[in-house]
Protein backbone atom coordinates (compact mmCIF):
# COMPACT_ATOMS: atom_id res chain seq x y z
CA MET A 1 0.09 0.05 -0.04
CA PRO A 2 1.68 3.26 -0.98
CA GLU A 3 2.36 5.82 1.90
CA LYS A 4 1.80 9.21 1.33
CA ILE A 5 4.16 11.79 2.49
CA VAL A 6 3.21 15.41 2.97
CA ILE A 7 5.42 18.23 4.00
CA ASP A 8 3.27 21.47 4.12
CA PRO A 9 4.56 24.27 4.67
CA LEU A 10 7.84 23.48 3.51
CA THR A 11 9.91 26.26 5.45
CA ARG A 12 13.20 28.18 5.02
CA ILE A 13 12.42 29.18 1.58
CA GLU A 14 11.13 32.36 -0.32
CA GLY A 15 7.45 31.70 -1.04
CA HIS A 16 4.64 29.23 -0.03
CA LEU A 17 5.36 25.57 -0.67
CA ALA A 18 4.16 22.12 -0.27
CA ILE A 19 5.77 18.59 -0.99
CA GLU A 20 3.62 15.54 -1.56
CA ALA A 21 5.03 12.38 -2.37
CA SER A 22 3.83 8.83 -2.84
CA VAL A 23 6.11 6.00 -1.82
CA ASP A 24 5.81 2.57 -2.32
CA GLY A 25 8.68 -0.13 -1.48
CA GLY A 26 11.17 2.54 -0.87
CA ARG A 27 10.34 4.51 -4.22
CA ILE A 28 8.68 7.58 -4.91
CA GLN A 29 5.84 6.70 -7.37
CA GLU A 30 4.56 10.13 -7.71
CA ALA A 31 5.70 13.60 -6.57
CA ARG A 32 4.12 17.09 -6.70
CA VAL A 33 5.43 20.38 -5.87
CA VAL A 34 2.55 22.67 -4.58
CA GLY A 35 2.81 26.36 -5.04
CA SER A 36 -0.12 27.37 -2.77
CA LEU A 37 0.09 31.31 -3.41
CA TYR A 38 -1.32 33.06 -6.50
CA ARG A 39 1.27 35.80 -7.28
CA GLY A 40 0.36 36.98 -10.88
CA PHE A 41 2.81 39.32 -11.44
CA GLU A 42 2.56 39.35 -15.15
CA GLU A 43 -1.27 40.63 -14.49
CA ILE A 44 0.12 43.28 -11.93
CA LEU A 45 2.44 44.83 -14.84
CA LYS A 46 -0.33 45.31 -17.29
CA GLY A 47 -1.02 48.68 -18.11
CA ARG A 48 1.68 50.28 -15.91
CA GLU A 49 4.52 52.42 -16.97
CA PRO A 50 7.27 50.50 -18.23
CA GLN A 51 9.87 51.66 -15.70
CA ASP A 52 7.30 50.54 -12.82
CA ALA A 53 8.64 46.84 -13.70
CA ILE A 54 11.77 47.43 -11.79
CA PRO A 55 10.30 48.00 -8.39
CA ILE A 56 7.26 45.72 -8.93
CA THR A 57 9.32 42.69 -10.10
CA GLN A 58 11.94 42.66 -7.04
CA ARG A 59 8.81 42.04 -4.86
CA ILE A 60 9.39 38.69 -6.34
CA CYS A 61 11.80 37.70 -3.51
CA GLY A 62 13.00 39.55 -0.88
CA VAL A 63 16.31 37.79 -0.67
CA CYS A 64 17.41 37.88 -4.31
CA PRO A 65 15.69 41.06 -5.69
CA VAL A 66 18.60 42.47 -7.52
CA SER A 67 18.37 39.84 -10.15
CA HIS A 68 14.89 40.95 -10.90
CA ALA A 69 15.62 44.46 -11.06
CA VAL A 70 19.04 43.74 -13.29
CA THR A 71 16.72 41.66 -15.66
CA SER A 72 13.86 44.15 -15.90
CA ALA A 73 16.30 47.08 -16.23
CA GLN A 74 18.18 45.25 -19.43
CA CYS A 75 14.61 44.59 -20.94
CA LEU A 76 14.10 48.16 -20.73
CA ASP A 77 17.67 49.23 -21.92
CA ARG A 78 16.64 47.01 -25.01
CA ALA A 79 13.10 48.43 -25.49
CA LEU A 80 14.39 52.13 -25.18
CA GLY A 81 17.45 51.46 -27.41
CA VAL A 82 19.99 52.61 -24.76
CA THR A 83 23.11 51.61 -23.34
CA PRO A 84 24.08 51.52 -19.94
CA THR A 85 27.50 53.70 -19.27
CA GLU A 86 30.66 51.79 -18.18
CA ASN A 87 30.31 53.19 -14.70
CA GLY A 88 26.42 52.09 -14.75
CA ARG A 89 27.51 48.72 -16.00
CA ILE A 90 30.06 48.34 -12.93
CA ILE A 91 27.85 49.55 -10.23
CA ARG A 92 24.81 47.29 -11.35
CA ASN A 93 27.49 44.61 -11.00
CA LEU A 94 28.44 45.67 -7.63
CA ILE A 95 24.96 45.88 -6.31
CA GLN A 96 24.34 42.47 -7.42
CA GLY A 97 27.49 40.92 -6.31
CA ALA A 98 26.90 42.26 -2.88
CA ASN A 99 23.31 40.88 -3.15
CA TYR A 100 24.92 37.27 -4.07
CA LEU A 101 27.09 37.55 -0.93
CA GLN A 102 24.26 38.04 1.32
CA SER A 103 22.32 35.25 -0.34
CA HIS A 104 25.01 32.79 0.05
CA LEU A 105 25.77 33.47 3.53
CA VAL A 106 21.85 33.18 4.40
CA HIS A 107 21.38 30.10 2.25
CA PHE A 108 24.08 28.34 3.92
CA TYR A 109 23.96 29.46 7.64
CA GLN A 110 20.35 30.35 8.05
CA LEU A 111 18.35 28.34 5.78
CA SER A 112 20.43 25.12 5.46
CA LEU A 113 22.85 24.75 8.55
CA LEU A 114 20.14 23.70 11.01
CA ASP A 115 19.66 20.45 9.17
CA TYR A 116 23.04 19.29 10.32
CA VAL A 117 23.40 21.15 13.31
CA ARG A 118 21.34 21.52 16.63
CA GLY A 119 20.87 24.89 17.82
CA PRO A 120 20.11 25.96 21.27
CA GLN A 121 17.12 24.47 23.15
CA ALA A 122 15.10 27.86 22.52
CA PRO A 123 13.11 29.42 19.68
CA PRO A 124 13.82 29.98 16.85
CA PHE A 125 16.09 26.71 17.02
CA VAL A 126 12.96 24.52 18.39
CA PRO A 127 10.68 22.88 17.64
CA ARG A 128 12.85 21.02 15.29
CA TYR A 129 12.63 17.76 13.05
CA ALA A 130 14.07 14.55 14.14
CA ASN A 131 17.20 14.43 11.96
CA ASP A 132 20.62 12.70 11.37
CA TYR A 133 22.71 14.81 13.57
CA ARG A 134 26.32 13.81 13.65
CA MET A 135 28.67 16.59 14.27
CA PRO A 136 31.03 16.41 17.10
CA GLU A 137 29.76 18.32 19.80
CA GLN A 138 32.31 21.14 20.03
CA THR A 139 32.37 21.38 16.21
CA GLU A 140 28.46 21.85 16.46
CA LYS A 141 28.69 24.53 19.00
CA GLN A 142 31.37 26.20 16.82
CA LEU A 143 29.14 26.01 13.86
CA VAL A 144 26.22 27.56 15.72
CA GLY A 145 28.48 30.44 16.92
CA HIS A 146 29.06 30.78 13.40
CA TYR A 147 25.63 30.90 12.68
CA LEU A 148 25.15 34.14 14.70
CA GLN A 149 28.19 35.76 13.38
CA ALA A 150 27.01 35.40 9.88
CA LEU A 151 24.11 37.97 10.89
CA GLN A 152 26.47 40.38 11.26
CA ALA A 153 28.34 39.53 7.99
CA ARG A 154 25.04 39.60 6.33
CA ILE A 155 24.57 43.19 7.80
CA LYS A 156 27.67 44.23 5.89
CA THR A 157 26.75 42.74 2.49
CA HIS A 158 23.51 44.77 2.79
CA GLU A 159 25.23 47.91 3.75
CA MET A 160 27.57 47.43 0.60
CA ALA A 161 24.34 47.40 -1.72
CA ALA A 162 22.80 49.94 -0.06
CA ILE A 163 25.74 52.51 -0.77
CA PHE A 164 24.90 52.37 -4.42
CA ALA A 165 21.36 51.13 -4.65
CA GLY A 166 19.94 53.56 -1.99
CA LYS A 167 18.39 50.61 0.17
CA ILE A 168 18.20 47.06 0.30
CA PRO A 169 16.07 44.91 -0.32
CA HIS A 170 14.09 46.33 -3.23
CA VAL A 171 16.80 48.63 -4.46
CA ALA A 172 16.09 52.16 -5.64
CA SER A 173 18.86 53.33 -8.16
CA ILE A 174 18.75 50.69 -10.92
CA VAL A 175 17.17 52.41 -14.02
CA PRO A 176 17.41 52.13 -17.73
CA GLY A 177 20.94 53.35 -19.01
CA GLY A 178 22.49 52.30 -15.71
CA VAL A 179 22.07 53.42 -12.28
CA THR A 180 21.33 56.70 -10.52
CA THR A 181 24.08 56.78 -8.08
CA PRO A 182 27.79 58.28 -9.04
CA ALA A 183 30.85 56.29 -8.12
CA THR A 184 32.44 58.81 -5.77
CA VAL A 185 35.50 58.17 -3.75
CA ASP A 186 33.64 57.82 -0.62
CA LYS A 187 31.24 55.42 -1.79
CA VAL A 188 33.88 53.23 -3.30
CA THR A 189 36.00 53.43 0.06
CA ALA A 190 33.13 52.64 2.01
CA PHE A 191 32.08 49.74 -0.33
CA LEU A 192 35.80 48.30 -0.21
CA TRP A 193 36.31 48.08 3.65
CA ARG A 194 33.00 46.28 4.05
CA LEU A 195 33.97 44.07 1.27
CA ASN A 196 37.36 43.22 2.98
CA GLU A 197 35.88 42.31 6.38
CA VAL A 198 33.18 40.09 4.61
CA GLN A 199 35.78 38.47 2.56
CA ASP A 200 37.67 37.74 5.81
CA PHE A 201 34.74 36.18 6.94
CA ILE A 202 34.22 33.95 3.77
CA ASP A 203 37.81 32.93 3.92
CA ASN A 204 38.11 32.04 7.45
CA VAL A 205 34.77 30.80 8.38
CA TYR A 206 32.41 30.36 6.06
CA VAL A 207 34.65 28.27 3.54
CA PRO A 208 36.00 26.14 6.39
CA ASP A 209 32.47 25.60 7.80
CA VAL A 210 30.68 24.34 4.19
CA MET A 211 33.89 22.06 3.86
CA THR A 212 33.33 20.59 7.54
CA VAL A 213 29.87 19.95 6.67
CA ALA A 214 30.84 18.57 3.20
CA ARG A 215 33.20 15.84 4.95
CA VAL A 216 30.93 14.59 7.52
CA TYR A 217 27.97 14.45 5.25
CA ARG A 218 29.89 13.50 2.05
CA ASP A 219 27.06 10.35 1.67
CA HIS A 220 24.77 13.13 1.02
CA ALA A 221 26.22 13.97 -2.08
CA GLU A 222 23.99 12.32 -4.35
CA LEU A 223 20.78 12.92 -2.55
CA GLY A 224 18.28 15.35 -4.53
CA ALA A 225 20.58 15.38 -7.67
CA GLY A 226 17.71 16.75 -9.70
CA PRO A 227 17.50 16.41 -13.65
CA ARG A 228 21.42 16.66 -13.71
CA ASN A 229 20.61 19.29 -16.54
CA LEU A 230 21.86 22.81 -15.61
CA LEU A 231 21.42 26.30 -17.41
CA SER A 232 23.00 29.74 -16.35
CA PHE A 233 22.24 33.05 -18.07
CA GLY A 234 25.52 34.08 -16.82
CA VAL A 235 26.16 37.24 -14.51
CA PHE A 236 28.24 40.10 -14.20
CA ASP A 237 28.45 41.89 -17.47
CA LEU A 238 31.97 42.67 -18.82
CA ASP A 239 30.71 44.93 -22.04
CA ASN A 240 27.48 46.44 -23.18
CA GLU A 241 26.84 44.64 -26.19
CA PRO A 242 23.10 45.40 -26.84
CA ASP A 243 22.03 41.83 -27.27
CA VAL A 244 22.43 40.65 -23.56
CA THR A 245 22.47 37.14 -25.03
CA LYS A 246 26.06 37.80 -26.62
CA ARG A 247 27.68 39.65 -23.73
CA ARG A 248 30.90 38.68 -22.38
CA ARG A 249 30.49 37.99 -18.77
CA LEU A 250 32.48 37.04 -15.79
CA PHE A 251 30.18 33.69 -15.60
CA ARG A 252 29.40 33.09 -19.11
CA MET A 253 25.98 32.10 -20.55
CA GLY A 254 25.35 28.20 -21.22
CA ARG A 255 23.69 25.07 -20.19
CA VAL A 256 24.96 21.47 -19.40
CA LYS A 257 23.13 18.27 -20.50
CA ASP A 258 24.88 14.71 -20.43
CA GLY A 259 28.08 16.31 -19.50
CA LYS A 260 28.26 18.18 -22.42
CA LEU A 261 28.55 22.30 -22.71
CA LEU A 262 26.02 23.62 -24.86
CA PRO A 263 24.71 27.28 -25.78
CA VAL A 264 21.57 28.68 -24.62
CA ASP A 265 18.73 29.60 -27.19
CA PRO A 266 15.90 31.65 -25.11
CA ALA A 267 13.51 31.18 -27.82
CA GLN A 268 13.45 27.05 -26.53
CA ILE A 269 12.37 28.07 -23.16
CA THR A 270 8.61 27.50 -22.39
CA GLU A 271 6.26 27.77 -19.45
CA GLU A 272 3.82 24.58 -19.14
CA THR A 273 0.68 24.97 -17.40
CA ARG A 274 -0.99 21.60 -17.51
CA PHE A 275 -1.01 20.78 -13.84
CA GLY A 276 -1.36 24.75 -13.11
CA TRP A 277 -4.52 26.39 -11.74
CA TYR A 278 -4.43 28.28 -15.42
CA GLU A 279 -6.57 28.03 -18.16
CA GLY A 280 -5.78 25.89 -20.88
CA ASP A 281 -3.04 23.46 -21.30
CA SER A 282 -0.15 25.46 -23.06
CA ALA A 283 3.68 25.35 -23.36
CA LEU A 284 4.38 28.94 -24.48
CA PRO A 285 7.49 31.00 -24.45
CA PRO A 286 7.48 33.56 -21.49
CA ALA A 287 6.89 36.30 -23.54
CA LYS A 288 3.68 35.00 -25.05
CA GLY A 289 2.76 33.41 -21.90
CA GLU A 290 -0.89 33.45 -20.34
CA THR A 291 -1.62 34.16 -16.95
CA ARG A 292 -5.56 33.58 -16.58
CA PRO A 293 -6.42 32.01 -13.03
CA ALA A 294 -8.58 28.73 -13.05
CA PRO A 295 -8.43 27.77 -9.42
CA SER A 296 -11.27 24.77 -10.09
CA LYS A 297 -9.23 23.12 -13.03
CA LYS A 298 -9.35 19.60 -12.66
CA GLU A 299 -5.76 17.75 -12.33
CA ALA A 300 -4.50 20.90 -11.58
CA TYR A 301 -2.48 21.31 -7.93
CA SER A 302 -0.11 24.30 -8.16
CA TRP A 303 -0.08 28.03 -8.77
CA LEU A 304 3.58 27.29 -10.24
CA LYS A 305 3.99 27.23 -13.98
CA ALA A 306 6.62 24.63 -15.09
CA PRO A 307 9.65 26.31 -17.05
CA ARG A 308 11.14 23.56 -19.85
CA TYR A 309 13.94 24.01 -22.18
CA GLU A 310 13.18 21.98 -25.24
CA GLY A 311 10.67 20.33 -23.01
CA ASP A 312 13.09 19.29 -20.49
CA ALA A 313 13.43 20.40 -16.66
CA TYR A 314 16.95 22.27 -15.85
CA GLU A 315 18.13 23.48 -12.55
CA VAL A 316 19.55 26.92 -12.42
CA GLY A 317 21.61 28.77 -9.70
CA PRO A 318 24.97 28.77 -8.39
CA LEU A 319 25.78 25.19 -9.29
CA ALA A 320 24.71 25.70 -12.88
CA ARG A 321 27.21 28.89 -13.22
CA VAL A 322 30.12 26.90 -11.54
CA MET A 323 29.47 23.73 -13.75
CA VAL A 324 29.40 25.98 -17.04
CA ALA A 325 32.53 27.90 -16.10
CA LEU A 326 34.60 24.50 -15.40
CA LEU A 327 33.48 23.12 -18.51
CA ASP A 328 34.24 26.07 -20.30
CA GLY A 329 37.87 26.22 -19.01
CA SER A 330 37.88 29.96 -18.89
CA GLN A 331 38.58 30.39 -15.17
CA PRO A 332 41.53 27.98 -14.51
CA GLU A 333 41.55 29.38 -10.83
CA LEU A 334 38.03 28.42 -10.17
CA THR A 335 38.76 24.75 -11.68
CA ALA A 336 41.99 24.65 -9.05
CA ALA A 337 39.86 25.76 -6.14
CA VAL A 338 36.86 23.32 -6.76
CA ASP A 339 39.29 20.45 -7.50
CA ALA A 340 41.38 20.91 -4.17
CA ALA A 341 37.95 21.22 -2.31
CA LEU A 342 36.49 17.84 -3.77
CA LYS A 343 40.03 16.23 -3.08
CA ASP A 344 39.63 17.49 0.38
CA VAL A 345 35.87 16.34 0.94
CA GLU A 346 36.73 12.97 -0.52
CA SER A 347 39.65 12.32 2.04
CA GLY A 348 36.98 12.51 4.60
CA ARG A 349 38.61 13.93 7.33
CA THR A 350 37.13 16.15 10.28
CA LEU A 351 39.74 18.08 11.84
CA PRO A 352 39.46 19.64 15.22
CA VAL A 353 38.54 23.44 15.93
CA PRO A 354 41.55 25.02 17.26
CA GLU A 355 41.37 25.57 20.84
CA HIS A 356 41.40 29.34 21.06
CA LEU A 357 38.48 29.55 18.41
CA ARG A 358 36.28 27.05 20.70
CA ASP A 359 33.37 28.08 22.60
CA ALA A 360 34.20 29.25 25.98
CA SER A 361 30.92 30.67 27.50
CA TYR A 362 29.80 27.37 29.39
CA ALA A 363 31.02 26.41 33.01
CA GLY A 364 34.39 24.76 32.89
CA ALA A 365 35.48 25.98 29.57
CA LYS A 366 38.32 28.27 30.93
CA ARG A 367 39.72 25.01 32.53
CA LEU A 368 39.84 23.25 29.59
CA GLY A 369 41.54 25.94 27.74
CA ARG A 370 38.52 27.00 25.40
CA GLY A 371 39.10 30.31 23.82
CA GLU A 372 42.18 31.14 25.42
CA GLY A 373 44.60 33.34 23.27
CA TYR A 374 41.98 34.29 20.89
CA GLN A 375 42.37 37.68 19.30
CA TYR A 376 39.77 39.89 17.68
CA ALA A 377 41.10 40.83 14.41
CA HIS A 378 39.36 44.19 13.92
CA ASP A 379 40.69 45.33 17.18
CA TYR A 380 44.33 45.23 15.69
CA PRO A 381 45.95 47.59 12.65
CA GLY A 382 44.99 46.71 9.40
CA HIS A 383 42.20 44.11 11.28
CA PHE A 384 44.71 41.38 10.99
CA VAL A 385 46.26 39.22 13.53
CA PRO A 386 48.51 36.39 12.53
CA GLN A 387 46.17 33.67 14.11
CA ASP A 388 44.89 30.07 13.27
CA TYR A 389 41.31 29.97 11.83
CA LEU A 390 41.97 26.41 10.47
CA PRO A 391 43.54 23.16 12.05
CA GLU A 392 46.20 23.17 9.33
CA ALA A 393 47.05 25.20 6.33
CA ARG A 394 44.27 25.01 3.14
CA HIS A 395 44.51 26.90 0.12
CA TYR A 396 41.26 26.45 -2.13
CA TYR A 397 41.67 29.82 -3.97
CA GLU A 398 44.66 31.42 -5.87
CA PRO A 399 44.16 34.74 -7.51
CA THR A 400 45.51 35.41 -10.62
CA GLU A 401 47.12 38.49 -12.04
CA GLN A 402 44.07 39.80 -14.02
CA GLY A 403 42.01 42.63 -13.01
CA VAL A 404 40.81 43.04 -9.45
CA GLU A 405 42.35 39.52 -8.68
CA ARG A 406 45.72 40.92 -8.75
CA LYS A 407 45.08 43.25 -5.63
CA ILE A 408 43.57 40.16 -3.68
CA LYS A 409 46.78 38.24 -4.68
CA GLU A 410 48.93 41.01 -3.25
CA ARG A 411 46.56 41.25 -0.46
CA LEU A 412 47.02 37.31 0.47
CA GLU A 413 50.67 37.54 0.02
CA LYS A 414 51.09 40.43 2.53
CA TRP A 415 49.24 38.24 5.30
CA ARG A 416 51.18 35.19 4.38
CA GLU A 417 54.35 37.32 5.03
CA LEU A 418 53.08 38.62 8.30
CA ARG A 419 52.12 35.02 9.31
CA ALA A 420 55.48 33.76 8.60
CA GLN A 421 57.09 36.68 10.61
CA ALA A 422 55.06 36.04 13.49
CA ALA A 423 55.78 32.27 13.12
CA LYS A 424 59.43 32.75 13.61
CA GLU A 425 58.98 35.60 16.47
CA LYS A 426 56.67 33.60 18.55
CA PRO A 427 55.43 29.99 17.27
CA ALA A 428 52.76 29.63 19.73
CA ALA A 429 49.68 27.29 19.13
CA GLY A 430 47.13 30.09 18.83
CA ASP A 431 49.87 32.24 16.89
CA ALA A 432 51.23 29.94 14.57
CA PRO A 433 50.57 30.28 10.86
CA ALA A 434 47.76 28.38 8.99
CA GLY A 435 45.07 28.83 6.39
CA GLY A 436 44.99 31.97 4.37
């Protein structure tokens, strides 16, 4: 007898969603993804001024509004026959880059991490689902501490975006032809010092935490693999080619099917409504799509349309961007970083957290030496101290000599020199060079 499993609501996402699955003999026989909220942005935009699309479409998501703003602005650029200025293009990239940093931090710490660690026995950490918790106790406490630190890092990413966007979420400065915010020295400086602090958190906390979870749960790597088809429209324009599908981008446009890198033709994208609460049974391109609600439609179960490329489902997002870049071969430093990270995960080692970084808030922690010798980097000149953040040296990213990466490389080399000098002068456990 098939068992029906229902998760409703599915939490820690943007929107209203439920999952229904029929399971027989340990195999899923039927699955439904139920979007339980009618949004109707296509209908909201009808009859409005074209520029209204930029603020309205951002309301699709409060976590990633900038992508919707940039996409709407690109549509208006094309419709009005205008080309963004160079500064306009760059500032759009900076706003979107800051929003990407925020989105990655919230996805890992606030939306995903609690599937792998138990938080304190207090709201919002309880109630919780029974789960496969297997982190060592001290590592778990460290990760919960980083969960809270990530909130502060996210504040800085929001501030970075707001410097050029006016506010965040739902930015105000992106318009046809670029942005309304000038690139003044004070704005660039304010953006840069925050970026340096966020990069420090990513290098020394976020990436090591991701690697820790990946090592401990490496048997989860194949769970939820999806269709294995990947598609990316690319991101971060490097020129102002009028046809946005032909622009050079930091992450290029492409799709992956059967392990092969293929081009993207937007004309092959359709939105299927067979099981949606909409009139008809269409599979039309988005530009010709119809959004006529039919809440009593038989066999329908969702307000979501089903996007398809040549009739197939594709996954989009960070994994798609990275896989396209890896197969394209245009970013050798990315390939080297991914190869090093995967090798580290496959080795399966879970290394201990350095003593000076361990939780020192509980009774008896001081007697065990927890937190002893910890130095808060932002209390020191240049926001740097030669302190271990990893149990042993790990280099996943090596900057090249190209563009801004040259400055990042110089910064890392300076840190490594300071670490090496400190190791010669005072080779204590809390001060020895590692990571970086």
